[in-house]
C-alpha atoms as a PDB file:
ATOM      1  CA  MET A   1      10.857   2.785  18.119  1.00  0.00           C
ATOM      2  CA  ARG A   2       7.563   2.795  19.992  1.00  0.00           C
ATOM      3  CA  ASN A   3       8.352   6.159  21.614  1.00  0.00           C
ATOM      4  CA  ARG A   4       6.916   7.755  18.453  1.00  0.00           C
ATOM      5  CA  TRP A   5       3.726   5.677  18.540  1.00  0.00           C
ATOM      6  CA  ILE A   6       0.355   7.169  19.428  1.00  0.00           C
ATOM      7  CA  LYS A   7      -1.889   4.258  20.396  1.00  0.00           C
ATOM      8  CA  HIS A   8      -5.710   4.331  20.348  1.00  0.00           C
ATOM      9  CA  ASP A   9      -8.293   1.685  21.119  1.00  0.00           C
ATOM     10  CA  SER A  10     -10.530   3.035  18.351  1.00  0.00           C
ATOM     11  CA  VAL A  11     -10.464   5.855  15.762  1.00  0.00           C
ATOM     12  CA  THR A  12     -12.430   6.771  12.662  1.00  0.00           C
ATOM     13  CA  SER A  13      -9.301   6.040  10.633  1.00  0.00           C
ATOM     14  CA  THR A  14      -5.613   6.267  11.462  1.00  0.00           C
ATOM     15  CA  ASN A  15      -4.989   8.536   8.454  1.00  0.00           C
ATOM     16  CA  THR A  16      -7.717  10.950   9.537  1.00  0.00           C
ATOM     17  CA  CYS A  17      -6.478  10.924  13.134  1.00  0.00           C
ATOM     18  CA  LEU A  18      -2.894  11.644  12.096  1.00  0.00           C
ATOM     19  CA  ALA A  19      -3.991  14.366   9.655  1.00  0.00           C
ATOM     20  CA  ASP A  20      -5.858  16.114  12.478  1.00  0.00           C
ATOM     21  CA  LEU A  21      -2.767  15.936  14.689  1.00  0.00           C
ATOM     22  CA  VAL A  22      -0.570  17.401  11.943  1.00  0.00           C
ATOM     23  CA  LYS A  23      -2.900  20.399  11.666  1.00  0.00           C
ATOM     24  CA  ASN A  24      -2.805  21.141  15.381  1.00  0.00           C
ATOM     25  CA  GLN A  25       0.670  20.334  16.640  1.00  0.00           C
ATOM     26  CA  SER A  26       4.292  19.851  15.684  1.00  0.00           C
ATOM     27  CA  LEU A  27       5.094  16.174  15.190  1.00  0.00           C
ATOM     28  CA  GLU A  28       8.359  14.335  14.632  1.00  0.00           C
ATOM     29  CA  GLU A  29       8.975  12.533  11.357  1.00  0.00           C
ATOM     30  CA  GLY A  30       8.272   8.867  11.920  1.00  0.00           C
ATOM     31  CA  THR A  31       5.307   9.497  14.207  1.00  0.00           C
ATOM     32  CA  ILE A  32       2.845   6.594  14.012  1.00  0.00           C
ATOM     33  CA  VAL A  33      -0.824   6.376  14.900  1.00  0.00           C
ATOM     34  CA  ILE A  34      -1.854   2.776  15.581  1.00  0.00           C
ATOM     35  CA  THR A  35      -5.245   1.463  16.633  1.00  0.00           C
ATOM     36  CA  ASP A  36      -7.120  -1.722  17.495  1.00  0.00           C
ATOM     37  CA  TYR A  37     -10.163  -0.694  15.473  1.00  0.00           C
ATOM     38  CA  GLN A  38     -11.348   1.767  12.811  1.00  0.00           C
ATOM     39  CA  ASP A  39     -15.029   2.545  12.373  1.00  0.00           C
ATOM     40  CA  GLY A  40     -14.341   4.433   9.138  1.00  0.00           C
ATOM     41  CA  GLY A  41     -11.259   2.805   7.673  1.00  0.00           C
ATOM     42  CA  ARG A  42     -10.525   4.028   4.149  1.00  0.00           C
ATOM     43  CA  GLY A  43      -8.908   2.564   1.077  1.00  0.00           C
ATOM     44  CA  LEU A  44      -8.150   4.089  -2.311  1.00  0.00           C
ATOM     45  CA  GLY A  45     -10.988   6.003  -3.959  1.00  0.00           C
ATOM     46  CA  GLU A  46     -14.373   5.167  -2.481  1.00  0.00           C
ATOM     47  CA  HIS A  47     -13.227   1.866  -1.021  1.00  0.00           C
ATOM     48  CA  SER A  48     -13.351   1.122   2.689  1.00  0.00           C
ATOM     49  CA  TRP A  49     -11.008  -1.015   4.790  1.00  0.00           C
ATOM     50  CA  LEU A  50     -12.749  -3.488   7.089  1.00  0.00           C
ATOM     51  CA  SER A  51     -10.962  -5.120  10.004  1.00  0.00           C
ATOM     52  CA  ARG A  52     -12.050  -6.922  13.164  1.00  0.00           C
ATOM     53  CA  ARG A  53     -11.090  -5.309  16.453  1.00  0.00           C
ATOM     54  CA  GLY A  54      -7.592  -6.132  17.635  1.00  0.00           C
ATOM     55  CA  GLU A  55      -6.871  -8.768  14.995  1.00  0.00           C
ATOM     56  CA  ASN A  56      -4.893  -6.833  12.376  1.00  0.00           C
ATOM     57  CA  LEU A  57      -2.309  -4.089  11.962  1.00  0.00           C
ATOM     58  CA  LEU A  58      -3.891  -0.655  11.406  1.00  0.00           C
ATOM     59  CA  MET A  59      -1.353   2.163  11.385  1.00  0.00           C
ATOM     60  CA  SER A  60      -0.374   5.425   9.733  1.00  0.00           C
ATOM     61  CA  LEU A  61       3.137   6.846   9.440  1.00  0.00           C
ATOM     62  CA  LEU A  62       4.083  10.531   9.112  1.00  0.00           C
ATOM     63  CA  LEU A  63       6.911  11.558   6.776  1.00  0.00           C
ATOM     64  CA  PHE A  64       8.274  14.917   5.612  1.00  0.00           C
ATOM     65  CA  PRO A  65       9.630  14.152   2.109  1.00  0.00           C
ATOM     66  CA  ALA A  66      10.319  17.771   1.110  1.00  0.00           C
ATOM     67  CA  PHE A  67      13.139  16.484  -1.118  1.00  0.00           C
ATOM     68  CA  LEU A  68      10.469  15.167  -3.535  1.00  0.00           C
ATOM     69  CA  SER A  69       8.462  17.324  -5.908  1.00  0.00           C
ATOM     70  CA  ALA A  70       4.751  16.595  -6.166  1.00  0.00           C
ATOM     71  CA  SER A  71       5.362  15.145  -9.645  1.00  0.00           C
ATOM     72  CA  LYS A  72       7.556  12.416  -8.093  1.00  0.00           C
ATOM     73  CA  GLN A  73       5.116  11.345  -5.382  1.00  0.00           C
ATOM     74  CA  PHE A  74       4.635   7.853  -6.822  1.00  0.00           C
ATOM     75  CA  HIS A  75       8.110   7.002  -5.539  1.00  0.00           C
ATOM     76  CA  LEU A  76       6.527   6.980  -2.083  1.00  0.00           C
ATOM     77  CA  SER A  77       3.909   4.479  -3.231  1.00  0.00           C
ATOM     78  CA  ARG A  78       6.623   2.236  -4.649  1.00  0.00           C
ATOM     79  CA  MET A  79       8.593   2.603  -1.425  1.00  0.00           C
ATOM     80  CA  ALA A  80       5.672   1.679   0.806  1.00  0.00           C
ATOM     81  CA  SER A  81       4.691  -1.300  -1.350  1.00  0.00           C
ATOM     82  CA  LEU A  82       8.205  -2.717  -1.321  1.00  0.00           C
ATOM     83  CA  ALA A  83       8.582  -2.090   2.413  1.00  0.00           C
ATOM     84  CA  LEU A  84       5.461  -4.146   3.102  1.00  0.00           C
ATOM     85  CA  CYS A  85       6.807  -6.902   0.872  1.00  0.00           C
ATOM     86  CA  ASP A  86      10.075  -6.797   2.835  1.00  0.00           C
ATOM     87  CA  ALA A  87       8.175  -7.118   6.111  1.00  0.00           C
ATOM     88  CA  LEU A  88       6.018  -9.973   4.837  1.00  0.00           C
ATOM     89  CA  GLU A  89       9.071 -11.871   3.626  1.00  0.00           C
ATOM     90  CA  THR A  90      10.413 -11.851   7.186  1.00  0.00           C
ATOM     91  CA  LEU A  91       7.071 -13.398   8.222  1.00  0.00           C
ATOM     92  CA  GLY A  92       7.395 -16.245   5.717  1.00  0.00           C
ATOM     93  CA  ILE A  93       5.326 -14.892   2.821  1.00  0.00           C
ATOM     94  CA  ASP A  94       6.428 -14.124  -0.755  1.00  0.00           C
ATOM     95  CA  PRO A  95       4.051 -11.326  -1.852  1.00  0.00           C
ATOM     96  CA  VAL A  96       3.451  -9.419  -5.070  1.00  0.00           C
ATOM     97  CA  ILE A  97       2.203  -5.884  -5.722  1.00  0.00           C
ATOM     98  CA  LYS A  98      -1.048  -5.340  -7.587  1.00  0.00           C
ATOM     99  CA  TRP A  99      -0.895  -1.871  -9.130  1.00  0.00           C
ATOM    100  CA  PRO A 100      -0.812   0.625  -7.651  1.00  0.00           C
ATOM    101  CA  ASN A 101      -0.138  -0.627  -4.113  1.00  0.00           C
ATOM    102  CA  ASP A 102      -2.261  -3.578  -3.012  1.00  0.00           C
ATOM    103  CA  ILE A 103      -0.219  -6.448  -1.614  1.00  0.00           C
ATOM    104  CA  LEU A 104      -1.249  -9.937  -2.727  1.00  0.00           C
ATOM    105  CA  THR A 105      -0.288 -13.463  -1.787  1.00  0.00           C
ATOM    106  CA  ARG A 106      -1.179 -16.741  -3.501  1.00  0.00           C
ATOM    107  CA  LYS A 107      -4.570 -16.676  -1.732  1.00  0.00           C
ATOM    108  CA  GLY A 108      -5.585 -13.039  -2.096  1.00  0.00           C
ATOM    109  CA  LYS A 109      -5.113  -9.507  -0.791  1.00  0.00           C
ATOM    110  CA  ILE A 110      -3.284  -9.331   2.510  1.00  0.00           C
ATOM    111  CA  ALA A 111      -2.541  -5.606   2.767  1.00  0.00           C
ATOM    112  CA  GLY A 112      -3.515  -2.220   1.417  1.00  0.00           C
ATOM    113  CA  ILE A 113      -1.908   1.214   1.488  1.00  0.00           C
ATOM    114  CA  LEU A 114      -3.523   4.652   1.483  1.00  0.00           C
ATOM    115  CA  ILE A 115      -1.097   7.540   0.948  1.00  0.00           C
ATOM    116  CA  GLU A 116      -2.170  11.167   1.350  1.00  0.00           C
ATOM    117  CA  HIS A 117       0.028  14.219   0.817  1.00  0.00           C
ATOM    118  CA  GLY A 118       0.210  17.836   1.790  1.00  0.00           C
ATOM    119  CA  ILE A 119       1.582  19.917  -1.108  1.00  0.00           C
ATOM    120  CA  THR A 120       3.288  23.310  -0.675  1.00  0.00           C
ATOM    121  CA  ALA A 121       4.824  25.290  -3.560  1.00  0.00           C
ATOM    122  CA  GLY A 122       4.994  22.194  -5.750  1.00  0.00           C
ATOM    123  CA  ASN A 123       6.781  20.078  -3.143  1.00  0.00           C
ATOM    124  CA  ILE A 124       5.442  17.508  -0.703  1.00  0.00           C
ATOM    125  CA  SER A 125       5.274  19.119   2.735  1.00  0.00           C
ATOM    126  CA  HIS A 126       4.153  15.967   4.505  1.00  0.00           C
ATOM    127  CA  THR A 127       2.953  12.458   3.717  1.00  0.00           C
ATOM    128  CA  ILE A 128       0.613  10.253   5.707  1.00  0.00           C
ATOM    129  CA  MET A 129       1.094   6.608   4.835  1.00  0.00           C
ATOM    130  CA  GLY A 130      -1.765   4.391   6.002  1.00  0.00           C
ATOM    131  CA  ILE A 131      -1.173   0.640   6.272  1.00  0.00           C
ATOM    132  CA  GLY A 132      -3.747  -2.105   6.745  1.00  0.00           C
ATOM    133  CA  LEU A 133      -2.200  -5.563   7.117  1.00  0.00           C
ATOM    134  CA  ASN A 134      -4.339  -8.630   7.865  1.00  0.00           C
ATOM    135  CA  LEU A 135      -2.720 -10.774  10.522  1.00  0.00           C
ATOM    136  CA  ASN A 136      -5.036 -12.895  12.660  1.00  0.00           C
ATOM    137  CA  GLN A 137      -8.455 -12.497  11.016  1.00  0.00           C
ATOM    138  CA  THR A 138      -9.732 -15.619   9.265  1.00  0.00           C
ATOM    139  CA  ALA A 139     -13.224 -14.631   8.053  1.00  0.00           C
ATOM    140  CA  PHE A 140     -13.825 -11.764   5.628  1.00  0.00           C
ATOM    141  CA  PRO A 141     -16.713 -10.361   3.571  1.00  0.00           C
ATOM    142  CA  ALA A 142     -16.778 -11.316  -0.110  1.00  0.00           C
ATOM    143  CA  PHE A 143     -14.577  -9.011  -2.199  1.00  0.00           C
ATOM    144  CA  PRO A 144     -13.741  -9.072  -5.953  1.00  0.00           C
ATOM    145  CA  VAL A 145     -10.185  -9.892  -4.852  1.00  0.00           C
ATOM    146  CA  PRO A 146     -10.506 -12.285  -1.887  1.00  0.00           C
ATOM    147  CA  ALA A 147      -8.976 -11.123   1.395  1.00  0.00           C
ATOM    148  CA  THR A 148      -6.425 -13.242   3.208  1.00  0.00           C
ATOM    149  CA  SER A 149      -4.260 -12.938   6.302  1.00  0.00           C
ATOM    150  CA  LEU A 150      -1.004 -14.120   7.793  1.00  0.00           C
ATOM    151  CA  ARG A 151      -2.869 -16.817   9.742  1.00  0.00           C
ATOM    152  CA  LEU A 152      -4.663 -18.083   6.621  1.00  0.00           C
ATOM    153  CA  GLU A 153      -1.402 -18.111   4.676  1.00  0.00           C
ATOM    154  CA  THR A 154       0.909 -19.711   7.210  1.00  0.00           C
ATOM    155  CA  GLY A 155      -1.321 -21.219   9.872  1.00  0.00           C
ATOM    156  CA  GLN A 156       0.370 -18.951  12.396  1.00  0.00           C
ATOM    157  CA  GLY A 157      -0.935 -15.739  13.926  1.00  0.00           C
ATOM    158  CA  ALA A 158       1.182 -12.819  15.086  1.00  0.00           C
ATOM    159  CA  ASN A 159       1.441 -10.163  17.747  1.00  0.00           C
ATOM    160  CA  VAL A 160       0.113  -6.969  16.185  1.00  0.00           C
ATOM    161  CA  ALA A 161       2.566  -4.625  17.931  1.00  0.00           C
ATOM    162  CA  GLU A 162       5.555  -6.794  17.042  1.00  0.00           C
ATOM    163  CA  VAL A 163       4.544  -6.841  13.374  1.00  0.00           C
ATOM    164  CA  GLY A 164       4.022  -3.078  13.602  1.00  0.00           C
ATOM    165  CA  GLU A 165       7.653  -2.702  14.613  1.00  0.00           C
ATOM    166  CA  ILE A 166       8.770  -4.871  11.685  1.00  0.00           C
ATOM    167  CA  VAL A 167       6.696  -2.797   9.250  1.00  0.00           C
ATOM    168  CA  GLU A 168       7.968   0.461  10.757  1.00  0.00           C
ATOM    169  CA  ALA A 169      11.588  -0.663  10.386  1.00  0.00           C
ATOM    170  CA  SER A 170      10.988  -1.741   6.778  1.00  0.00           C
ATOM    171  CA  LEU A 171       9.284   1.553   5.893  1.00  0.00           C
ATOM    172  CA  MET A 172      12.021   3.694   7.417  1.00  0.00           C
ATOM    173  CA  SER A 173      14.771   1.620   5.785  1.00  0.00           C
ATOM    174  CA  ARG A 174      13.173   2.037   2.359  1.00  0.00           C
ATOM    175  CA  TYR A 175      12.546   5.731   3.067  1.00  0.00           C
ATOM    176  CA  HIS A 176      16.220   6.336   3.824  1.00  0.00           C
ATOM    177  CA  GLY A 177      17.068   4.665   0.516  1.00  0.00           C
ATOM    178  CA  LEU A 178      14.679   7.047  -1.210  1.00  0.00           C
ATOM    179  CA  LYS A 179      16.340  10.011   0.506  1.00  0.00           C
ATOM    180  CA  GLU A 180      19.664   8.786  -0.842  1.00  0.00           C
ATOM    181  CA  GLY A 181      18.258   8.878  -4.373  1.00  0.00           C
ATOM    182  CA  HIS A 182      17.880   5.165  -5.094  1.00  0.00           C
ATOM    183  CA  PHE A 183      15.050   5.843  -7.551  1.00  0.00           C
ATOM    184  CA  GLU A 184      16.134   3.488 -10.341  1.00  0.00           C
ATOM    185  CA  LEU A 185      16.604   0.580  -7.938  1.00  0.00           C
ATOM    186  CA  LEU A 186      13.159   1.271  -6.483  1.00  0.00           C
ATOM    187  CA  GLU A 187      11.568   1.256  -9.944  1.00  0.00           C
ATOM    188  CA  LYS A 188      13.359  -1.978 -10.881  1.00  0.00           C
ATOM    189  CA  GLU A 189      12.308  -3.810  -7.702  1.00  0.00           C
ATOM    190  CA  TYR A 190       8.739  -2.566  -8.009  1.00  0.00           C
ATOM    191  CA  MET A 191       8.484  -3.949 -11.551  1.00  0.00           C
ATOM    192  CA  GLU A 192       9.959  -7.277 -10.425  1.00  0.00           C
ATOM    193  CA  ARG A 193       7.192  -7.529  -7.812  1.00  0.00           C
ATOM    194  CA  LEU A 194       4.348  -6.212 -10.013  1.00  0.00           C
ATOM    195  CA  PHE A 195       1.501  -8.698 -10.381  1.00  0.00           C
ATOM    196  CA  MET A 196       1.040 -10.002 -13.963  1.00  0.00           C
ATOM    197  CA  ALA A 197       3.682  -7.667 -15.427  1.00  0.00           C
ATOM    198  CA  GLY A 198       4.695  -8.939 -18.866  1.00  0.00           C
ATOM    199  CA  VAL A 199       1.919 -11.547 -18.869  1.00  0.00           C
ATOM    200  CA  PRO A 200      -1.035 -11.199 -21.297  1.00  0.00           C
ATOM    201  CA  SER A 201      -4.099 -10.371 -19.199  1.00  0.00           C
ATOM    202  CA  VAL A 202      -7.698  -9.266 -19.660  1.00  0.00           C
ATOM    203  CA  PHE A 203      -8.541  -5.674 -18.725  1.00  0.00           C
ATOM    204  CA  LYS A 204     -11.607  -3.490 -18.622  1.00  0.00           C
ATOM    205  CA  ALA A 205     -11.449   0.255 -19.273  1.00  0.00           C
ATOM    206  CA  GLY A 206     -14.120   2.694 -20.407  1.00  0.00           C
ATOM    207  CA  GLY A 207     -16.609  -0.118 -20.983  1.00  0.00           C
ATOM    208  CA  GLU A 208     -14.175  -1.954 -23.265  1.00  0.00           C
ATOM    209  CA  VAL A 209     -12.803  -5.405 -22.435  1.00  0.00           C
ATOM    210  CA  PHE A 210      -9.482  -6.243 -24.080  1.00  0.00           C
ATOM    211  CA  GLU A 211      -6.355  -8.336 -23.758  1.00  0.00           C
ATOM    212  CA  GLY A 212      -3.180  -6.450 -23.029  1.00  0.00           C
ATOM    213  CA  THR A 213       0.156  -6.695 -21.242  1.00  0.00           C
ATOM    214  CA  ILE A 214       1.472  -4.541 -18.401  1.00  0.00           C
ATOM    215  CA  ARG A 215       4.760  -3.016 -19.513  1.00  0.00           C
ATOM    216  CA  GLY A 216       5.487  -0.567 -16.731  1.00  0.00           C
ATOM    217  CA  VAL A 217       4.336   2.321 -14.581  1.00  0.00           C
ATOM    218  CA  THR A 218       5.019   5.956 -15.455  1.00  0.00           C
ATOM    219  CA  GLY A 219       6.662   8.433 -13.108  1.00  0.00           C
ATOM    220  CA  PHE A 220       3.196   9.751 -12.339  1.00  0.00           C
ATOM    221  CA  GLY A 221       2.010   6.289 -11.289  1.00  0.00           C
ATOM    222  CA  GLU A 222      -0.014   5.524 -14.415  1.00  0.00           C
ATOM    223  CA  LEU A 223      -0.201   1.917 -15.585  1.00  0.00           C
ATOM    224  CA  MET A 224       1.342   1.285 -19.010  1.00  0.00           C
ATOM    225  CA  VAL A 225      -0.557  -1.376 -20.961  1.00  0.00           C
ATOM    226  CA  GLU A 226       0.411  -2.613 -24.431  1.00  0.00           C
ATOM    227  CA  TYR A 227      -2.464  -3.729 -26.632  1.00  0.00           C
ATOM    228  CA  GLY A 228      -3.734  -3.388 -30.184  1.00  0.00           C
ATOM    229  CA  GLY A 229      -0.242  -2.647 -31.457  1.00  0.00           C
ATOM    230  CA  GLY A 230       0.245   0.377 -29.201  1.00  0.00           C
ATOM    231  CA  MET A 231       0.804   1.542 -25.639  1.00  0.00           C
ATOM    232  CA  ARG A 232      -1.721   3.334 -23.423  1.00  0.00           C
ATOM    233  CA  THR A 233      -1.469   4.702 -19.904  1.00  0.00           C
ATOM    234  CA  PHE A 234      -4.223   4.591 -17.302  1.00  0.00           C
ATOM    235  CA  GLY A 235      -4.648   6.396 -14.006  1.00  0.00           C
ATOM    236  CA  HIS A 236      -6.017   4.726 -10.901  1.00  0.00           C
ATOM    237  CA  GLY A 237      -9.689   3.860 -11.245  1.00  0.00           C
ATOM    238  CA  ALA A 238      -9.584   4.043 -15.038  1.00  0.00           C
ATOM    239  CA  ILE A 239      -8.733   0.384 -15.602  1.00  0.00           C
ATOM    240  CA  SER A 240      -9.291  -2.935 -13.868  1.00  0.00           C
ATOM    241  CA  MET A 241      -7.894  -6.394 -14.425  1.00  0.00           C
ATOM    242  CA  GLU A 242     -10.366  -9.193 -15.028  1.00  0.00           C
ATOM    243  CA  LEU A 243      -8.952 -11.868 -12.756  1.00  0.00           C
ATOM    244  CA  LYS A 244      -9.244 -15.508 -13.736  1.00  0.00           C
ATOM    245  CA  SER A 245     -10.527 -18.128 -11.337  1.00  0.00           C
ATOM    246  CA  GLY A 246      -7.689 -19.242  -9.109  1.00  0.00           C
ATOM    247  CA  ASN A 247      -5.875 -15.900  -9.271  1.00  0.00           C
ATOM    248  CA  PRO A 248      -6.135 -13.500  -6.327  1.00  0.00           C
END
């Protein structure tokens, strides 16, 4: 599989690097940019992704999901989240998904996903799927959701390139399932993995703190929360979960 890999010692971010390549040359679906270090790693919104040189998996995958309309793009987020869970299970970890696509373990956040699309005539012309997976790093800055790694979880480190191949295989397997139209199965598995789904939790939205229960995710990727006798939907950044001590 590595014949489609473009390896760098350092980049600003793998997503940015791959986006620049897409603009300037013809690339094969499944092309991956992988690096030892990012000096401008990005997460969702204004968040950054911090990783020590050479210790973790930092990669971006190129897909051409023209079979999906822009309105169905959250299927790709579900797909990527479940693929990372598949990969982590092979490494001895049982993860969950914190909406929309952070991957958590019993100790904290082990992986994040940043997905960016090109849209043409209402369809997705290309997708860049950025993956940050903590493998060998054991010390992290303080975050609202603590960071963890494979080594902290299992006591064992891993070869970054070998884990990259596992993640690549998991992503492409899930992607082929998506191409075959396995949307309902994807939605079902995503809900089964969704952190705190169906469990009363404390949320904050628009300056209001309230208790509610996650009931699902819409086709547009909005979180469905039941509270106060009704159901409301929230886009990313519009709501946060107030985590209790002991929860990641």
